[in-house]
PDB file of all heavy atoms in Angstrom:
ATOM      1  N   GLU A   1     -95.761 -47.660 136.400  1.00  0.00           N
ATOM      2  CA  GLU A   1     -96.232 -48.874 135.729  1.00  0.00           C
ATOM      3  C   GLU A   1     -95.118 -49.527 134.921  1.00  0.00           C
ATOM      4  O   GLU A   1     -94.942 -50.736 134.959  1.00  0.00           O
ATOM      5  CB  GLU A   1     -97.431 -48.507 134.832  1.00  0.00           C
ATOM      6  CG  GLU A   1     -98.233 -49.696 134.373  1.00  0.00           C
ATOM      7  CD  GLU A   1     -97.752 -50.252 133.047  1.00  0.00           C
ATOM      8  OE1 GLU A   1     -97.131 -49.501 132.273  1.00  0.00           O
ATOM      9  OE2 GLU A   1     -97.985 -51.439 132.792  1.00  0.00           O
ATOM     10  N   ARG A   2     -94.342 -48.754 134.222  1.00  0.00           N
ATOM     11  CA  ARG A   2     -93.256 -49.325 133.411  1.00  0.00           C
ATOM     12  C   ARG A   2     -92.060 -49.753 134.241  1.00  0.00           C
ATOM     13  O   ARG A   2     -91.313 -50.637 133.838  1.00  0.00           O
ATOM     14  CB  ARG A   2     -92.824 -48.317 132.348  1.00  0.00           C
ATOM     15  CG  ARG A   2     -93.877 -48.109 131.305  1.00  0.00           C
ATOM     16  CD  ARG A   2     -93.389 -47.236 130.195  1.00  0.00           C
ATOM     17  NE  ARG A   2     -94.467 -47.003 129.252  1.00  0.00           N
ATOM     18  CZ  ARG A   2     -94.349 -46.282 128.180  1.00  0.00           C
ATOM     19  NH1 ARG A   2     -93.194 -45.707 127.897  1.00  0.00           N
ATOM     20  NH2 ARG A   2     -95.367 -46.116 127.385  1.00  0.00           N
ATOM     21  N   GLY A   3     -91.864 -49.117 135.375  1.00  0.00           N
ATOM     22  CA  GLY A   3     -90.712 -49.433 136.207  1.00  0.00           C
ATOM     23  C   GLY A   3     -90.872 -50.685 137.053  1.00  0.00           C
ATOM     24  O   GLY A   3     -89.890 -51.239 137.551  1.00  0.00           O
ATOM     25  N   SER A   4     -92.088 -51.140 137.227  1.00  0.00           N
ATOM     26  CA  SER A   4     -92.315 -52.346 138.034  1.00  0.00           C
ATOM     27  C   SER A   4     -92.157 -53.571 137.132  1.00  0.00           C
ATOM     28  O   SER A   4     -92.810 -53.687 136.107  1.00  0.00           O
ATOM     29  CB  SER A   4     -93.708 -52.312 138.679  1.00  0.00           C
ATOM     30  OG  SER A   4     -94.704 -52.268 137.688  1.00  0.00           O
ATOM     31  N   THR A   5     -91.247 -54.461 137.530  1.00  0.00           N
ATOM     32  CA  THR A   5     -90.992 -55.667 136.733  1.00  0.00           C
ATOM     33  C   THR A   5     -91.408 -56.904 137.518  1.00  0.00           C
ATOM     34  O   THR A   5     -91.414 -56.898 138.756  1.00  0.00           O
ATOM     35  CB  THR A   5     -89.503 -55.797 136.366  1.00  0.00           C
ATOM     36  OG1 THR A   5     -88.749 -56.003 137.580  1.00  0.00           O
ATOM     37  CG2 THR A   5     -88.998 -54.547 135.642  1.00  0.00           C
ATOM     38  N   LEU A   6     -91.747 -57.945 136.792  1.00  0.00           N
ATOM     39  CA  LEU A   6     -92.131 -59.194 137.454  1.00  0.00           C
ATOM     40  C   LEU A   6     -91.000 -59.721 138.326  1.00  0.00           C
ATOM     41  O   LEU A   6     -91.240 -60.214 139.430  1.00  0.00           O
ATOM     42  CB  LEU A   6     -92.563 -60.235 136.419  1.00  0.00           C
ATOM     43  CG  LEU A   6     -93.828 -59.910 135.623  1.00  0.00           C
ATOM     44  CD1 LEU A   6     -94.108 -61.014 134.602  1.00  0.00           C
ATOM     45  CD2 LEU A   6     -95.021 -59.717 136.537  1.00  0.00           C
ATOM     46  N   ASP A   7     -89.759 -59.627 137.838  1.00  0.00           N
ATOM     47  CA  ASP A   7     -88.610 -60.108 138.624  1.00  0.00           C
ATOM     48  C   ASP A   7     -88.494 -59.354 139.944  1.00  0.00           C
ATOM     49  O   ASP A   7     -88.339 -59.962 141.007  1.00  0.00           O
ATOM     50  CB  ASP A   7     -87.309 -59.959 137.828  1.00  0.00           C
ATOM     51  CG  ASP A   7     -87.208 -60.932 136.667  1.00  0.00           C
ATOM     52  OD1 ASP A   7     -87.705 -62.065 136.792  1.00  0.00           O
ATOM     53  OD2 ASP A   7     -86.629 -60.542 135.632  1.00  0.00           O
ATOM     54  N   ALA A   8     -88.573 -58.027 139.890  1.00  0.00           N
ATOM     55  CA  ALA A   8     -88.446 -57.219 141.104  1.00  0.00           C
ATOM     56  C   ALA A   8     -89.616 -57.454 142.048  1.00  0.00           C
ATOM     57  O   ALA A   8     -89.434 -57.489 143.277  1.00  0.00           O
ATOM     58  CB  ALA A   8     -88.335 -55.737 140.734  1.00  0.00           C
ATOM     59  N   ILE A   9     -90.801 -57.627 141.503  1.00  0.00           N
ATOM     60  CA  ILE A   9     -91.979 -57.893 142.334  1.00  0.00           C
ATOM     61  C   ILE A   9     -91.811 -59.225 143.055  1.00  0.00           C
ATOM     62  O   ILE A   9     -92.085 -59.330 144.255  1.00  0.00           O
ATOM     63  CB  ILE A   9     -93.265 -57.870 141.477  1.00  0.00           C
ATOM     64  CG1 ILE A   9     -93.516 -56.457 140.957  1.00  0.00           C
ATOM     65  CG2 ILE A   9     -94.470 -58.375 142.275  1.00  0.00           C
ATOM     66  CD1 ILE A   9     -94.516 -56.382 139.811  1.00  0.00           C
ATOM     67  N   ALA A  10     -91.343 -60.228 142.338  1.00  0.00           N
ATOM     68  CA  ALA A  10     -91.126 -61.549 142.947  1.00  0.00           C
ATOM     69  C   ALA A  10     -90.117 -61.464 144.084  1.00  0.00           C
ATOM     70  O   ALA A  10     -90.347 -62.015 145.174  1.00  0.00           O
ATOM     71  CB  ALA A  10     -90.668 -62.553 141.886  1.00  0.00           C
ATOM     72  N   VAL A  11     -89.005 -60.775 143.851  1.00  0.00           N
ATOM     73  CA  VAL A  11     -87.973 -60.634 144.892  1.00  0.00           C
ATOM     74  C   VAL A  11     -88.549 -59.939 146.117  1.00  0.00           C
ATOM     75  O   VAL A  11     -88.393 -60.396 147.253  1.00  0.00           O
ATOM     76  CB  VAL A  11     -86.739 -59.863 144.346  1.00  0.00           C
ATOM     77  CG1 VAL A  11     -85.805 -59.446 145.475  1.00  0.00           C
ATOM     78  CG2 VAL A  11     -85.995 -60.714 143.330  1.00  0.00           C
ATOM     79  N   GLU A  12     -89.241 -58.817 145.899  1.00  0.00           N
ATOM     80  CA  GLU A  12     -89.806 -58.065 147.024  1.00  0.00           C
ATOM     81  C   GLU A  12     -90.856 -58.873 147.776  1.00  0.00           C
ATOM     82  O   GLU A  12     -90.977 -58.772 148.994  1.00  0.00           O
ATOM     83  CB  GLU A  12     -90.412 -56.745 146.548  1.00  0.00           C
ATOM     84  CG  GLU A  12     -90.871 -55.887 147.696  1.00  0.00           C
ATOM     85  CD  GLU A  12     -91.352 -54.508 147.277  1.00  0.00           C
ATOM     86  OE1 GLU A  12     -90.920 -53.990 146.240  1.00  0.00           O
ATOM     87  OE2 GLU A  12     -92.149 -53.946 148.034  1.00  0.00           O
ATOM     88  N   ALA A  13     -91.612 -59.693 147.058  1.00  0.00           N
ATOM     89  CA  ALA A  13     -92.656 -60.507 147.686  1.00  0.00           C
ATOM     90  C   ALA A  13     -92.087 -61.759 148.358  1.00  0.00           C
ATOM     91  O   ALA A  13     -92.798 -62.433 149.105  1.00  0.00           O
ATOM     92  CB  ALA A  13     -93.698 -60.913 146.644  1.00  0.00           C
ATOM     93  N   GLY A  14     -90.817 -62.058 148.100  1.00  0.00           N
ATOM     94  CA  GLY A  14     -90.200 -63.240 148.700  1.00  0.00           C
ATOM     95  C   GLY A  14     -90.664 -64.543 148.065  1.00  0.00           C
ATOM     96  O   GLY A  14     -90.746 -65.571 148.736  1.00  0.00           O
ATOM     97  N   VAL A  15     -90.952 -64.492 146.769  1.00  0.00           N
ATOM     98  CA  VAL A  15     -91.363 -65.692 146.037  1.00  0.00           C
ATOM     99  C   VAL A  15     -90.482 -65.821 144.800  1.00  0.00           C
ATOM    100  O   VAL A  15     -89.858 -64.856 144.356  1.00  0.00           O
ATOM    101  CB  VAL A  15     -92.858 -65.646 145.613  1.00  0.00           C
ATOM    102  CG1 VAL A  15     -93.767 -65.544 146.826  1.00  0.00           C
ATOM    103  CG2 VAL A  15     -93.128 -64.517 144.635  1.00  0.00           C
ATOM    104  N   SER A  16     -90.442 -67.011 144.250  1.00  0.00           N
ATOM    105  CA  SER A  16     -89.721 -67.189 142.994  1.00  0.00           C
ATOM    106  C   SER A  16     -90.544 -66.577 141.864  1.00  0.00           C
ATOM    107  O   SER A  16     -91.745 -66.334 142.008  1.00  0.00           O
ATOM    108  CB  SER A  16     -89.504 -68.680 142.717  1.00  0.00           C
ATOM    109  OG  SER A  16     -90.766 -69.305 142.478  1.00  0.00           O
ATOM    110  N   LYS A  17     -89.898 -66.360 140.728  1.00  0.00           N
ATOM    111  CA  LYS A  17     -90.658 -65.833 139.594  1.00  0.00           C
ATOM    112  C   LYS A  17     -91.720 -66.850 139.179  1.00  0.00           C
ATOM    113  O   LYS A  17     -92.838 -66.486 138.824  1.00  0.00           O
ATOM    114  CB  LYS A  17     -89.748 -65.500 138.422  1.00  0.00           C
ATOM    115  CG  LYS A  17     -90.504 -64.801 137.304  1.00  0.00           C
ATOM    116  CD  LYS A  17     -89.590 -64.233 136.258  1.00  0.00           C
ATOM    117  CE  LYS A  17     -90.386 -63.517 135.178  1.00  0.00           C
ATOM    118  NZ  LYS A  17     -89.504 -63.020 134.125  1.00  0.00           N
ATOM    119  N   GLY A  18     -91.383 -68.137 139.281  1.00  0.00           N
ATOM    120  CA  GLY A  18     -92.367 -69.179 138.987  1.00  0.00           C
ATOM    121  C   GLY A  18     -93.548 -69.117 139.944  1.00  0.00           C
ATOM    122  O   GLY A  18     -94.693 -69.334 139.550  1.00  0.00           O
ATOM    123  N   GLY A  19     -93.274 -68.794 141.208  1.00  0.00           N
ATOM    124  CA  GLY A  19     -94.348 -68.645 142.186  1.00  0.00           C
ATOM    125  C   GLY A  19     -95.253 -67.477 141.845  1.00  0.00           C
ATOM    126  O   GLY A  19     -96.474 -67.563 141.986  1.00  0.00           O
ATOM    127  N   LEU A  20     -94.651 -66.380 141.387  1.00  0.00           N
ATOM    128  CA  LEU A  20     -95.449 -65.240 140.963  1.00  0.00           C
ATOM    129  C   LEU A  20     -96.306 -65.631 139.763  1.00  0.00           C
ATOM    130  O   LEU A  20     -97.503 -65.345 139.719  1.00  0.00           O
ATOM    131  CB  LEU A  20     -94.539 -64.061 140.596  1.00  0.00           C
ATOM    132  CG  LEU A  20     -95.251 -62.757 140.210  1.00  0.00           C
ATOM    133  CD1 LEU A  20     -94.374 -61.571 140.580  1.00  0.00           C
ATOM    134  CD2 LEU A  20     -95.585 -62.696 138.750  1.00  0.00           C
ATOM    135  N   LEU A  21     -95.692 -66.308 138.778  1.00  0.00           N
ATOM    136  CA  LEU A  21     -96.412 -66.681 137.564  1.00  0.00           C
ATOM    137  C   LEU A  21     -97.498 -67.722 137.828  1.00  0.00           C
ATOM    138  O   LEU A  21     -98.452 -67.829 137.057  1.00  0.00           O
ATOM    139  CB  LEU A  21     -95.434 -67.178 136.497  1.00  0.00           C
ATOM    140  CG  LEU A  21     -94.482 -66.102 135.966  1.00  0.00           C
ATOM    141  CD1 LEU A  21     -93.427 -66.720 135.054  1.00  0.00           C
ATOM    142  CD2 LEU A  21     -95.247 -65.007 135.250  1.00  0.00           C
ATOM    143  N   TYR A  22     -97.374 -68.464 138.914  1.00  0.00           N
ATOM    144  CA  TYR A  22     -98.429 -69.406 139.292  1.00  0.00           C
ATOM    145  C   TYR A  22     -99.720 -68.642 139.614  1.00  0.00           C
ATOM    146  O   TYR A  22    -100.807 -69.060 139.250  1.00  0.00           O
ATOM    147  CB  TYR A  22     -97.979 -70.227 140.509  1.00  0.00           C
ATOM    148  CG  TYR A  22     -99.069 -71.090 141.094  1.00  0.00           C
ATOM    149  CD1 TYR A  22     -99.413 -72.295 140.499  1.00  0.00           C
ATOM    150  CD2 TYR A  22     -99.769 -70.672 142.225  1.00  0.00           C
ATOM    151  CE1 TYR A  22    -100.432 -73.089 141.026  1.00  0.00           C
ATOM    152  CE2 TYR A  22    -100.784 -71.451 142.756  1.00  0.00           C
ATOM    153  CZ  TYR A  22    -101.112 -72.661 142.156  1.00  0.00           C
ATOM    154  OH  TYR A  22    -102.127 -73.433 142.672  1.00  0.00           O
ATOM    155  N   HIS A  23     -99.558 -67.514 140.294  1.00  0.00           N
ATOM    156  CA  HIS A  23    -100.720 -66.707 140.694  1.00  0.00           C
ATOM    157  C   HIS A  23    -101.158 -65.739 139.602  1.00  0.00           C
ATOM    158  O   HIS A  23    -102.353 -65.470 139.453  1.00  0.00           O
ATOM    159  CB  HIS A  23    -100.410 -65.928 141.970  1.00  0.00           C
ATOM    160  CG  HIS A  23    -100.218 -66.805 143.164  1.00  0.00           C
ATOM    161  ND1 HIS A  23    -101.277 -67.399 143.814  1.00  0.00           N
ATOM    162  CD2 HIS A  23     -99.099 -67.205 143.809  1.00  0.00           C
ATOM    163  CE1 HIS A  23    -100.816 -68.130 144.830  1.00  0.00           C
ATOM    164  NE2 HIS A  23     -99.501 -68.026 144.838  1.00  0.00           N
ATOM    165  N   PHE A  24    -100.196 -65.184 138.869  1.00  0.00           N
ATOM    166  CA  PHE A  24    -100.477 -64.172 137.848  1.00  0.00           C
ATOM    167  C   PHE A  24     -99.629 -64.497 136.628  1.00  0.00           C
ATOM    168  O   PHE A  24     -98.419 -64.286 136.642  1.00  0.00           O
ATOM    169  CB  PHE A  24    -100.158 -62.767 138.373  1.00  0.00           C
ATOM    170  CG  PHE A  24    -100.897 -62.424 139.636  1.00  0.00           C
ATOM    171  CD1 PHE A  24    -100.279 -62.513 140.881  1.00  0.00           C
ATOM    172  CD2 PHE A  24    -102.220 -62.019 139.586  1.00  0.00           C
ATOM    173  CE1 PHE A  24    -100.952 -62.202 142.043  1.00  0.00           C
ATOM    174  CE2 PHE A  24    -102.914 -61.703 140.748  1.00  0.00           C
ATOM    175  CZ  PHE A  24    -102.277 -61.804 141.983  1.00  0.00           C
ATOM    176  N   LYS A  25    -100.258 -64.978 135.585  1.00  0.00           N
ATOM    177  CA  LYS A  25     -99.537 -65.438 134.380  1.00  0.00           C
ATOM    178  C   LYS A  25     -98.830 -64.301 133.646  1.00  0.00           C
ATOM    179  O   LYS A  25     -97.794 -64.518 133.014  1.00  0.00           O
ATOM    180  CB  LYS A  25    -100.492 -66.134 133.411  1.00  0.00           C
ATOM    181  CG  LYS A  25    -101.241 -67.298 134.004  1.00  0.00           C
ATOM    182  CD  LYS A  25    -100.370 -68.523 134.104  1.00  0.00           C
ATOM    183  CE  LYS A  25    -101.173 -69.707 134.605  1.00  0.00           C
ATOM    184  NZ  LYS A  25    -100.594 -70.300 135.778  1.00  0.00           N
ATOM    185  N   THR A  26     -99.403 -63.105 133.705  1.00  0.00           N
ATOM    186  CA  THR A  26     -98.832 -61.963 132.992  1.00  0.00           C
ATOM    187  C   THR A  26     -98.924 -60.718 133.880  1.00  0.00           C
ATOM    188  O   THR A  26     -99.621 -60.714 134.893  1.00  0.00           O
ATOM    189  CB  THR A  26     -99.616 -61.668 131.695  1.00  0.00           C
ATOM    190  OG1 THR A  26    -100.952 -61.272 132.048  1.00  0.00           O
ATOM    191  CG2 THR A  26     -99.664 -62.882 130.767  1.00  0.00           C
ATOM    192  N   LYS A  27     -98.239 -59.677 133.446  1.00  0.00           N
ATOM    193  CA  LYS A  27     -98.329 -58.413 134.156  1.00  0.00           C
ATOM    194  C   LYS A  27     -99.754 -57.860 134.068  1.00  0.00           C
ATOM    195  O   LYS A  27    -100.241 -57.220 135.001  1.00  0.00           O
ATOM    196  CB  LYS A  27     -97.316 -57.423 133.575  1.00  0.00           C
ATOM    197  CG  LYS A  27     -96.930 -56.326 134.525  1.00  0.00           C
ATOM    198  CD  LYS A  27     -95.752 -55.542 133.984  1.00  0.00           C
ATOM    199  CE  LYS A  27     -95.411 -54.390 134.886  1.00  0.00           C
ATOM    200  NZ  LYS A  27     -94.346 -53.554 134.323  1.00  0.00           N
ATOM    201  N   ASP A  28    -100.433 -58.140 132.965  1.00  0.00           N
ATOM    202  CA  ASP A  28    -101.825 -57.728 132.818  1.00  0.00           C
ATOM    203  C   ASP A  28    -102.711 -58.429 133.852  1.00  0.00           C
ATOM    204  O   ASP A  28    -103.593 -57.812 134.438  1.00  0.00           O
ATOM    205  CB  ASP A  28    -102.310 -58.025 131.400  1.00  0.00           C
ATOM    206  CG  ASP A  28    -103.675 -57.442 131.119  1.00  0.00           C
ATOM    207  OD1 ASP A  28    -103.827 -56.211 131.220  1.00  0.00           O
ATOM    208  OD2 ASP A  28    -104.593 -58.230 130.813  1.00  0.00           O
ATOM    209  N   ASP A  29    -102.458 -59.721 134.089  1.00  0.00           N
ATOM    210  CA  ASP A  29    -103.205 -60.451 135.118  1.00  0.00           C
ATOM    211  C   ASP A  29    -102.941 -59.868 136.500  1.00  0.00           C
ATOM    212  O   ASP A  29    -103.843 -59.792 137.345  1.00  0.00           O
ATOM    213  CB  ASP A  29    -102.828 -61.942 135.123  1.00  0.00           C
ATOM    214  CG  ASP A  29    -103.318 -62.696 133.907  1.00  0.00           C
ATOM    215  OD1 ASP A  29    -104.213 -62.191 133.197  1.00  0.00           O
ATOM    216  OD2 ASP A  29    -102.793 -63.812 133.662  1.00  0.00           O
ATOM    217  N   LEU A  30    -101.705 -59.461 136.725  1.00  0.00           N
ATOM    218  CA  LEU A  30    -101.334 -58.848 138.000  1.00  0.00           C
ATOM    219  C   LEU A  30    -102.095 -57.536 138.188  1.00  0.00           C
ATOM    220  O   LEU A  30    -102.651 -57.280 139.266  1.00  0.00           O
ATOM    221  CB  LEU A  30     -99.824 -58.608 138.025  1.00  0.00           C
ATOM    222  CG  LEU A  30     -99.167 -58.202 139.321  1.00  0.00           C
ATOM    223  CD1 LEU A  30     -99.463 -59.183 140.447  1.00  0.00           C
ATOM    224  CD2 LEU A  30     -97.661 -58.078 139.119  1.00  0.00           C
ATOM    225  N   ALA A  31    -102.168 -56.726 137.145  1.00  0.00           N
ATOM    226  CA  ALA A  31    -102.914 -55.475 137.221  1.00  0.00           C
ATOM    227  C   ALA A  31    -104.394 -55.745 137.473  1.00  0.00           C
ATOM    228  O   ALA A  31    -105.026 -55.075 138.301  1.00  0.00           O
ATOM    229  CB  ALA A  31    -102.722 -54.666 135.934  1.00  0.00           C
TER     230      ALA A  31
END
């Protein structure tokens, strides 16, 4: 849980960090 970062998730998903934040505003929203 602590090792997963929004930046790394965005890169792996092939989206920008802004694209990730469009769908999930926070890591809590992602969870």
